Amino acid sequence: MAIQLGNTNTNGGSGRRIRYQPMSEINVTPFVDVMLVLLVVFMVTAPLLTVGVPVDLPKTEAARLTDQVEPLVITVNAEGRIFLQETEVEQDQLVPRLKAVTGAKPDLRIFVRGDKAISYGRVMEVMGVISAAGFSKVALLAEVPRPKSTNR
């Protein structure tokens, strides 16, 4: 014969059920780790995204061009050296390289960037060589000046 004393519930004898309560805290450590890694990656790669030859362009008030096709850029730096995109070329090799790159399409837009320290004659000499080769859409590039601040 057996006697039953009290409640036979296995929840500690109180008779109530233990309910599952979801944890309301967010573990932000993995999130912070990922963000720090991304920050380091972007800090390292951002300086590498600037391409081209460093040139100090003159300032102008002209409107910006809004052309969808990326043009070819020829740069004349402060020492007078010529660059086709980022590759240095000699002046006598400029026209053959341009024709090879463009496929001898004379209607392709070509921009000439000249450092403001270089003489105007050197830039015009390069533009003359390009124009004489049959390329008709040759233009100069310049920077838009920053507006002057009026601090009183």
N, C-alpha and C. Protein backbone atom coordinates (compact mmCIF):
# COMPACT_ATOMS: atom_id res chain seq x y z
N MET A 1 0.80 -1.15 0.00
CA MET A 1 0.00 0.00 0.00
C MET A 1 0.87 1.24 0.00
N ALA A 2 0.52 2.25 -0.78
CA ALA A 2 1.33 3.45 -0.89
C ALA A 2 0.50 4.66 -0.56
N ILE A 3 1.09 5.60 0.06
CA ILE A 3 0.41 6.85 0.40
C ILE A 3 1.08 7.97 -0.38
N GLN A 4 0.24 8.83 -0.88
CA GLN A 4 0.75 9.98 -1.64
C GLN A 4 0.66 11.21 -0.76
N LEU A 5 1.78 11.85 -0.48
CA LEU A 5 1.79 13.03 0.34
C LEU A 5 2.12 14.25 -0.51
N GLY A 6 1.30 15.25 -0.53
CA GLY A 6 1.56 16.49 -1.27
C GLY A 6 1.39 16.32 -2.78
N ASN A 7 1.91 17.24 -3.47
CA ASN A 7 1.79 17.28 -4.94
C ASN A 7 2.96 16.49 -5.54
N THR A 8 2.69 15.77 -6.57
CA THR A 8 3.73 14.97 -7.21
C THR A 8 4.36 15.68 -8.39
N ASN A 9 4.19 16.98 -8.48
CA ASN A 9 4.76 17.77 -9.60
C ASN A 9 6.27 17.82 -9.45
N THR A 10 7.01 17.71 -10.56
CA THR A 10 8.47 17.70 -10.50
C THR A 10 9.07 19.08 -10.65
N ASN A 11 8.26 20.12 -10.59
CA ASN A 11 8.75 21.49 -10.76
C ASN A 11 9.13 22.12 -9.43
N GLY A 12 9.54 21.39 -8.52
CA GLY A 12 9.97 21.94 -7.25
C GLY A 12 8.86 21.93 -6.23
N GLY A 13 7.77 21.32 -6.53
CA GLY A 13 6.70 21.18 -5.57
C GLY A 13 5.77 22.35 -5.51
N SER A 14 5.91 23.37 -6.32
CA SER A 14 5.04 24.54 -6.21
C SER A 14 3.77 24.38 -7.02
N GLY A 15 3.74 23.49 -7.94
CA GLY A 15 2.55 23.27 -8.74
C GLY A 15 2.48 24.17 -9.98
N ARG A 16 3.35 25.12 -10.12
CA ARG A 16 3.36 26.00 -11.30
C ARG A 16 4.34 25.49 -12.32
N ARG A 17 4.04 25.75 -13.59
CA ARG A 17 4.95 25.36 -14.66
C ARG A 17 5.99 26.45 -14.86
N ILE A 18 7.20 26.04 -15.15
CA ILE A 18 8.26 27.01 -15.46
C ILE A 18 8.14 27.33 -16.93
N ARG A 19 8.00 28.62 -17.25
CA ARG A 19 7.87 29.05 -18.63
C ARG A 19 9.22 29.47 -19.19
N TYR A 20 9.40 29.23 -20.48
CA TYR A 20 10.62 29.65 -21.16
C TYR A 20 10.51 31.15 -21.42
N GLN A 21 11.50 31.91 -20.99
CA GLN A 21 11.53 33.34 -21.23
C GLN A 21 12.65 33.65 -22.20
N PRO A 22 12.33 34.30 -23.33
CA PRO A 22 13.38 34.62 -24.29
C PRO A 22 14.35 35.66 -23.72
N MET A 23 15.63 35.54 -24.12
CA MET A 23 16.64 36.47 -23.65
C MET A 23 16.47 37.79 -24.42
N SER A 24 16.35 38.88 -23.75
CA SER A 24 16.10 40.17 -24.40
C SER A 24 17.38 40.98 -24.61
N GLU A 25 18.52 40.41 -24.34
CA GLU A 25 19.78 41.11 -24.54
C GLU A 25 20.37 40.72 -25.89
N ILE A 26 20.96 41.71 -26.57
CA ILE A 26 21.60 41.47 -27.86
C ILE A 26 23.09 41.45 -27.64
N ASN A 27 23.74 40.44 -28.18
CA ASN A 27 25.19 40.32 -28.08
C ASN A 27 25.78 41.14 -29.23
N VAL A 28 26.35 42.30 -28.92
CA VAL A 28 26.86 43.19 -29.96
C VAL A 28 28.34 42.94 -30.27
N THR A 29 28.98 42.06 -29.58
CA THR A 29 30.40 41.81 -29.81
C THR A 29 30.69 41.37 -31.24
N PRO A 30 29.97 40.40 -31.82
CA PRO A 30 30.24 40.03 -33.22
C PRO A 30 29.98 41.19 -34.19
N PHE A 31 28.96 41.97 -33.90
CA PHE A 31 28.63 43.12 -34.76
C PHE A 31 29.78 44.14 -34.74
N VAL A 32 30.30 44.44 -33.56
CA VAL A 32 31.40 45.39 -33.43
C VAL A 32 32.65 44.84 -34.11
N ASP A 33 32.91 43.55 -33.96
CA ASP A 33 34.07 42.94 -34.61
C ASP A 33 33.99 43.08 -36.13
N VAL A 34 32.84 42.81 -36.70
CA VAL A 34 32.67 42.92 -38.16
C VAL A 34 32.83 44.37 -38.60
N MET A 35 32.26 45.30 -37.86
CA MET A 35 32.36 46.71 -38.23
C MET A 35 33.81 47.20 -38.17
N LEU A 36 34.57 46.77 -37.18
CA LEU A 36 35.97 47.18 -37.09
C LEU A 36 36.79 46.61 -38.24
N VAL A 37 36.51 45.37 -38.62
CA VAL A 37 37.22 44.78 -39.76
C VAL A 37 36.88 45.54 -41.03
N LEU A 38 35.61 45.87 -41.24
CA LEU A 38 35.21 46.64 -42.42
C LEU A 38 35.85 48.03 -42.42
N LEU A 39 35.92 48.66 -41.27
CA LEU A 39 36.55 49.96 -41.17
C LEU A 39 38.01 49.90 -41.59
N VAL A 40 38.73 48.90 -41.11
CA VAL A 40 40.14 48.75 -41.47
C VAL A 40 40.28 48.49 -42.96
N VAL A 41 39.42 47.64 -43.52
CA VAL A 41 39.50 47.33 -44.94
C VAL A 41 39.26 48.58 -45.77
N PHE A 42 38.26 49.37 -45.43
CA PHE A 42 37.98 50.59 -46.20
C PHE A 42 39.07 51.64 -46.02
N MET A 43 39.65 51.71 -44.84
CA MET A 43 40.73 52.68 -44.63
C MET A 43 41.96 52.31 -45.45
N VAL A 44 42.20 51.03 -45.65
CA VAL A 44 43.35 50.60 -46.43
C VAL A 44 43.09 50.76 -47.92
N THR A 45 41.88 50.45 -48.37
CA THR A 45 41.61 50.48 -49.81
C THR A 45 41.24 51.85 -50.35
N ALA A 46 40.77 52.76 -49.53
CA ALA A 46 40.35 54.08 -50.02
C ALA A 46 41.47 54.85 -50.72
N PRO A 47 42.67 54.90 -50.18
CA PRO A 47 43.73 55.61 -50.92
C PRO A 47 44.11 54.93 -52.23
N LEU A 48 43.86 53.65 -52.37
CA LEU A 48 44.19 52.94 -53.59
C LEU A 48 43.18 53.20 -54.70
N LEU A 49 42.01 53.73 -54.37
CA LEU A 49 40.98 53.96 -55.37
C LEU A 49 41.24 55.18 -56.22
N THR A 50 42.08 56.07 -55.77
CA THR A 50 42.41 57.24 -56.58
C THR A 50 43.42 56.82 -57.63
N VAL A 51 43.02 56.98 -58.88
CA VAL A 51 43.89 56.57 -59.97
C VAL A 51 44.29 57.79 -60.76
N GLY A 52 45.33 57.65 -61.49
CA GLY A 52 45.76 58.74 -62.35
C GLY A 52 47.06 59.34 -61.89
N VAL A 53 47.50 60.27 -62.66
CA VAL A 53 48.74 60.97 -62.40
C VAL A 53 48.40 62.22 -61.60
N PRO A 54 49.08 62.49 -60.50
CA PRO A 54 48.77 63.69 -59.72
C PRO A 54 49.14 64.96 -60.50
N VAL A 55 48.14 65.79 -60.73
CA VAL A 55 48.32 67.03 -61.48
C VAL A 55 47.57 68.13 -60.75
N ASP A 56 48.17 69.29 -60.63
CA ASP A 56 47.52 70.44 -60.03
C ASP A 56 46.84 71.21 -61.15
N LEU A 57 45.52 70.97 -61.33
CA LEU A 57 44.79 71.57 -62.44
C LEU A 57 44.46 73.03 -62.15
N PRO A 58 44.41 73.87 -63.19
CA PRO A 58 43.98 75.25 -62.99
C PRO A 58 42.49 75.31 -62.70
N LYS A 59 42.04 76.39 -62.09
CA LYS A 59 40.63 76.57 -61.73
C LYS A 59 39.90 77.31 -62.84
N THR A 60 38.59 76.99 -63.01
CA THR A 60 37.77 77.67 -64.01
C THR A 60 36.31 77.70 -63.55
N GLU A 61 35.54 78.59 -64.11
CA GLU A 61 34.12 78.73 -63.77
C GLU A 61 33.22 77.99 -64.74
N ALA A 62 33.77 77.26 -65.70
CA ALA A 62 32.98 76.59 -66.72
C ALA A 62 32.11 75.49 -66.10
N ALA A 63 31.00 75.18 -66.77
CA ALA A 63 30.10 74.14 -66.29
C ALA A 63 30.72 72.76 -66.51
N ARG A 64 30.31 71.80 -65.68
CA ARG A 64 30.82 70.44 -65.80
C ARG A 64 30.15 69.73 -66.97
N LEU A 65 30.90 68.82 -67.57
CA LEU A 65 30.36 68.00 -68.64
C LEU A 65 29.66 66.80 -68.04
N THR A 66 28.52 66.43 -68.61
CA THR A 66 27.79 65.26 -68.14
C THR A 66 27.71 64.25 -69.28
N ASP A 67 28.81 63.55 -69.51
CA ASP A 67 28.89 62.57 -70.57
C ASP A 67 28.95 61.19 -69.94
N GLN A 68 28.17 60.23 -70.48
CA GLN A 68 28.12 58.90 -69.90
C GLN A 68 29.31 58.03 -70.31
N VAL A 69 29.90 58.30 -71.46
CA VAL A 69 31.02 57.51 -71.95
C VAL A 69 32.31 58.03 -71.32
N GLU A 70 33.09 57.11 -70.77
CA GLU A 70 34.35 57.53 -70.14
C GLU A 70 35.36 57.87 -71.23
N PRO A 71 35.88 59.09 -71.21
CA PRO A 71 36.82 59.51 -72.25
C PRO A 71 38.24 59.05 -71.94
N LEU A 72 39.07 59.17 -72.93
CA LEU A 72 40.50 58.95 -72.72
C LEU A 72 41.09 60.22 -72.11
N VAL A 73 42.02 60.06 -71.19
CA VAL A 73 42.63 61.21 -70.54
C VAL A 73 44.13 61.17 -70.81
N ILE A 74 44.63 62.28 -71.33
CA ILE A 74 46.06 62.45 -71.54
C ILE A 74 46.51 63.53 -70.57
N THR A 75 47.55 63.23 -69.79
CA THR A 75 48.01 64.14 -68.75
C THR A 75 49.42 64.61 -69.07
N VAL A 76 49.64 65.92 -68.90
CA VAL A 76 50.97 66.50 -68.98
C VAL A 76 51.29 67.00 -67.57
N ASN A 77 52.24 66.33 -66.90
CA ASN A 77 52.51 66.71 -65.51
C ASN A 77 53.45 67.91 -65.43
N ALA A 78 53.83 68.29 -64.22
CA ALA A 78 54.63 69.50 -64.01
C ALA A 78 56.01 69.41 -64.64
N GLU A 79 56.52 68.19 -64.85
CA GLU A 79 57.82 68.03 -65.50
C GLU A 79 57.72 67.99 -67.01
N GLY A 80 56.51 67.99 -67.55
CA GLY A 80 56.32 67.95 -68.99
C GLY A 80 56.21 66.55 -69.56
N ARG A 81 56.16 65.53 -68.70
CA ARG A 81 56.01 64.16 -69.18
C ARG A 81 54.56 63.90 -69.54
N ILE A 82 54.34 63.03 -70.53
CA ILE A 82 53.00 62.76 -71.05
C ILE A 82 52.56 61.38 -70.57
N PHE A 83 51.30 61.29 -70.14
CA PHE A 83 50.72 60.04 -69.67
C PHE A 83 49.42 59.80 -70.43
N LEU A 84 49.25 58.59 -70.94
CA LEU A 84 47.99 58.15 -71.54
C LEU A 84 47.31 57.29 -70.49
N GLN A 85 46.19 57.80 -69.94
CA GLN A 85 45.56 57.27 -68.74
C GLN A 85 46.62 57.31 -67.63
N GLU A 86 47.15 56.18 -67.15
CA GLU A 86 48.18 56.20 -66.11
C GLU A 86 49.55 55.76 -66.62
N THR A 87 49.66 55.49 -67.92
CA THR A 87 50.90 54.98 -68.49
C THR A 87 51.69 56.10 -69.15
N GLU A 88 52.96 56.21 -68.80
CA GLU A 88 53.80 57.25 -69.40
C GLU A 88 54.16 56.84 -70.82
N VAL A 89 54.05 57.81 -71.75
CA VAL A 89 54.42 57.57 -73.14
C VAL A 89 55.26 58.73 -73.63
N GLU A 90 56.09 58.45 -74.61
CA GLU A 90 56.86 59.51 -75.25
C GLU A 90 55.95 60.20 -76.27
N GLN A 91 56.27 61.44 -76.61
CA GLN A 91 55.43 62.20 -77.52
C GLN A 91 55.34 61.54 -78.90
N ASP A 92 56.41 60.94 -79.37
CA ASP A 92 56.38 60.31 -80.69
C ASP A 92 55.60 58.99 -80.67
N GLN A 93 55.36 58.41 -79.50
CA GLN A 93 54.57 57.18 -79.38
C GLN A 93 53.12 57.45 -79.00
N LEU A 94 52.76 58.71 -78.78
CA LEU A 94 51.41 59.05 -78.33
C LEU A 94 50.36 58.71 -79.39
N VAL A 95 50.56 59.13 -80.62
CA VAL A 95 49.57 58.90 -81.68
C VAL A 95 49.39 57.41 -81.97
N PRO A 96 50.46 56.62 -82.14
CA PRO A 96 50.23 55.19 -82.36
C PRO A 96 49.49 54.50 -81.21
N ARG A 97 49.81 54.90 -79.98
CA ARG A 97 49.10 54.32 -78.83
C ARG A 97 47.63 54.74 -78.81
N LEU A 98 47.36 56.01 -79.12
CA LEU A 98 45.97 56.48 -79.18
C LEU A 98 45.18 55.71 -80.24
N LYS A 99 45.77 55.52 -81.40
CA LYS A 99 45.08 54.79 -82.46
C LYS A 99 44.86 53.34 -82.08
N ALA A 100 45.81 52.76 -81.36
CA ALA A 100 45.65 51.37 -80.92
C ALA A 100 44.55 51.25 -79.87
N VAL A 101 44.49 52.21 -78.96
CA VAL A 101 43.49 52.16 -77.89
C VAL A 101 42.09 52.45 -78.42
N THR A 102 41.97 53.43 -79.29
CA THR A 102 40.65 53.84 -79.78
C THR A 102 40.18 53.04 -80.97
N GLY A 103 41.04 52.27 -81.57
CA GLY A 103 40.64 51.55 -82.78
C GLY A 103 40.51 52.49 -83.95
N ALA A 104 41.28 53.57 -83.95
CA ALA A 104 41.29 54.60 -85.01
C ALA A 104 39.92 55.24 -85.18
N LYS A 105 39.19 55.45 -84.07
CA LYS A 105 37.91 56.17 -84.11
C LYS A 105 38.18 57.64 -83.82
N PRO A 106 38.12 58.51 -84.82
CA PRO A 106 38.47 59.92 -84.59
C PRO A 106 37.40 60.70 -83.83
N ASP A 107 36.20 60.13 -83.63
CA ASP A 107 35.14 60.86 -82.93
C ASP A 107 35.11 60.58 -81.43
N LEU A 108 36.08 59.84 -80.92
CA LEU A 108 36.14 59.57 -79.49
C LEU A 108 36.63 60.81 -78.75
N ARG A 109 36.01 61.11 -77.60
CA ARG A 109 36.38 62.28 -76.81
C ARG A 109 37.70 62.02 -76.07
N ILE A 110 38.61 62.98 -76.17
CA ILE A 110 39.91 62.90 -75.50
C ILE A 110 40.09 64.16 -74.66
N PHE A 111 40.39 63.97 -73.37
CA PHE A 111 40.63 65.09 -72.48
C PHE A 111 42.13 65.22 -72.24
N VAL A 112 42.60 66.46 -72.24
CA VAL A 112 44.00 66.75 -71.94
C VAL A 112 44.05 67.50 -70.62
N ARG A 113 44.78 66.93 -69.66
CA ARG A 113 44.97 67.56 -68.35
C ARG A 113 46.39 68.09 -68.31
N GLY A 114 46.53 69.38 -68.05
CA GLY A 114 47.85 69.98 -67.95
C GLY A 114 48.04 70.61 -66.59
N ASP A 115 49.15 70.32 -65.95
CA ASP A 115 49.47 70.93 -64.66
C ASP A 115 49.58 72.44 -64.84
N LYS A 116 49.13 73.20 -63.84
CA LYS A 116 49.14 74.65 -63.99
C LYS A 116 50.56 75.22 -63.95
N ALA A 117 51.53 74.42 -63.50
CA ALA A 117 52.91 74.89 -63.47
C ALA A 117 53.61 74.72 -64.82
N ILE A 118 53.04 73.90 -65.70
CA ILE A 118 53.65 73.65 -67.00
C ILE A 118 53.30 74.80 -67.95
N SER A 119 54.16 75.04 -68.92
CA SER A 119 53.90 76.15 -69.84
C SER A 119 52.73 75.80 -70.76
N TYR A 120 52.00 76.81 -71.12
CA TYR A 120 50.85 76.66 -72.00
C TYR A 120 51.27 76.08 -73.35
N GLY A 121 52.44 76.42 -73.79
CA GLY A 121 52.94 75.92 -75.08
C GLY A 121 53.11 74.41 -75.10
N ARG A 122 53.54 73.83 -73.98
CA ARG A 122 53.72 72.37 -73.92
C ARG A 122 52.38 71.65 -74.03
N VAL A 123 51.37 72.18 -73.34
CA VAL A 123 50.04 71.58 -73.42
C VAL A 123 49.48 71.71 -74.83
N MET A 124 49.66 72.87 -75.45
CA MET A 124 49.16 73.07 -76.81
C MET A 124 49.92 72.21 -77.82
N GLU A 125 51.18 71.96 -77.54
CA GLU A 125 51.97 71.07 -78.40
C GLU A 125 51.38 69.66 -78.40
N VAL A 126 51.02 69.17 -77.22
CA VAL A 126 50.42 67.84 -77.10
C VAL A 126 49.05 67.82 -77.78
N MET A 127 48.26 68.87 -77.56
CA MET A 127 46.94 68.94 -78.22
C MET A 127 47.09 69.00 -79.73
N GLY A 128 48.11 69.70 -80.21
CA GLY A 128 48.34 69.78 -81.65
C GLY A 128 48.69 68.44 -82.26
N VAL A 129 49.50 67.67 -81.56
CA VAL A 129 49.86 66.33 -82.04
C VAL A 129 48.62 65.45 -82.13
N ILE A 130 47.75 65.54 -81.13
CA ILE A 130 46.52 64.73 -81.12
C ILE A 130 45.59 65.17 -82.25
N SER A 131 45.40 66.47 -82.40
CA SER A 131 44.52 66.99 -83.45
C SER A 131 45.06 66.66 -84.84
N ALA A 132 46.37 66.74 -85.02
CA ALA A 132 46.97 66.44 -86.32
C ALA A 132 46.81 64.97 -86.68
N ALA A 133 46.63 64.12 -85.68
CA ALA A 133 46.44 62.69 -85.94
C ALA A 133 45.01 62.38 -86.39
N GLY A 134 44.13 63.39 -86.38
CA GLY A 134 42.77 63.18 -86.86
C GLY A 134 41.71 63.10 -85.77
N PHE A 135 42.09 63.24 -84.53
CA PHE A 135 41.12 63.22 -83.44
C PHE A 135 40.52 64.61 -83.30
N SER A 136 39.20 64.70 -83.46
CA SER A 136 38.56 66.02 -83.52
C SER A 136 37.97 66.47 -82.19
N LYS A 137 37.68 65.57 -81.28
CA LYS A 137 37.06 65.94 -80.00
C LYS A 137 38.10 65.95 -78.90
N VAL A 138 38.92 66.98 -78.89
CA VAL A 138 39.98 67.13 -77.89
C VAL A 138 39.61 68.33 -77.02
N ALA A 139 39.64 68.14 -75.70
CA ALA A 139 39.25 69.21 -74.78
C ALA A 139 40.22 69.28 -73.62
N LEU A 140 40.30 70.46 -73.01
CA LEU A 140 41.13 70.67 -71.82
C LEU A 140 40.30 70.45 -70.57
N LEU A 141 40.93 69.93 -69.52
CA LEU A 141 40.28 69.77 -68.23
C LEU A 141 40.80 70.81 -67.25
N ALA A 142 39.92 71.25 -66.36
CA ALA A 142 40.30 72.17 -65.29
C ALA A 142 39.44 71.87 -64.07
N GLU A 143 39.85 72.38 -62.93
CA GLU A 143 39.08 72.22 -61.70
C GLU A 143 38.11 73.38 -61.52
N VAL A 144 36.98 73.09 -60.88
CA VAL A 144 36.04 74.16 -60.52
C VAL A 144 36.54 74.77 -59.21
N PRO A 145 36.70 76.09 -59.15
CA PRO A 145 37.22 76.68 -57.93
C PRO A 145 36.21 76.58 -56.79
N ARG A 146 36.73 76.51 -55.57
CA ARG A 146 35.86 76.49 -54.39
C ARG A 146 35.32 77.89 -54.15
N PRO A 147 34.05 77.98 -53.72
CA PRO A 147 33.52 79.32 -53.45
C PRO A 147 34.25 79.96 -52.27
N LYS A 148 34.47 81.25 -52.38
CA LYS A 148 35.18 81.96 -51.31
C LYS A 148 34.22 82.15 -50.14
N SER A 149 34.72 81.87 -48.94
CA SER A 149 33.88 82.03 -47.76
C SER A 149 33.86 83.49 -47.34
N THR A 150 32.69 83.95 -46.92
CA THR A 150 32.54 85.34 -46.50
C THR A 150 32.39 85.39 -44.99
N ASN A 151 33.48 85.24 -44.28
CA ASN A 151 33.48 85.33 -42.82
C ASN A 151 33.59 86.79 -42.41
N ARG A 152 32.72 87.18 -41.52
CA ARG A 152 32.73 88.58 -41.05
C ARG A 152 33.14 88.65 -39.64
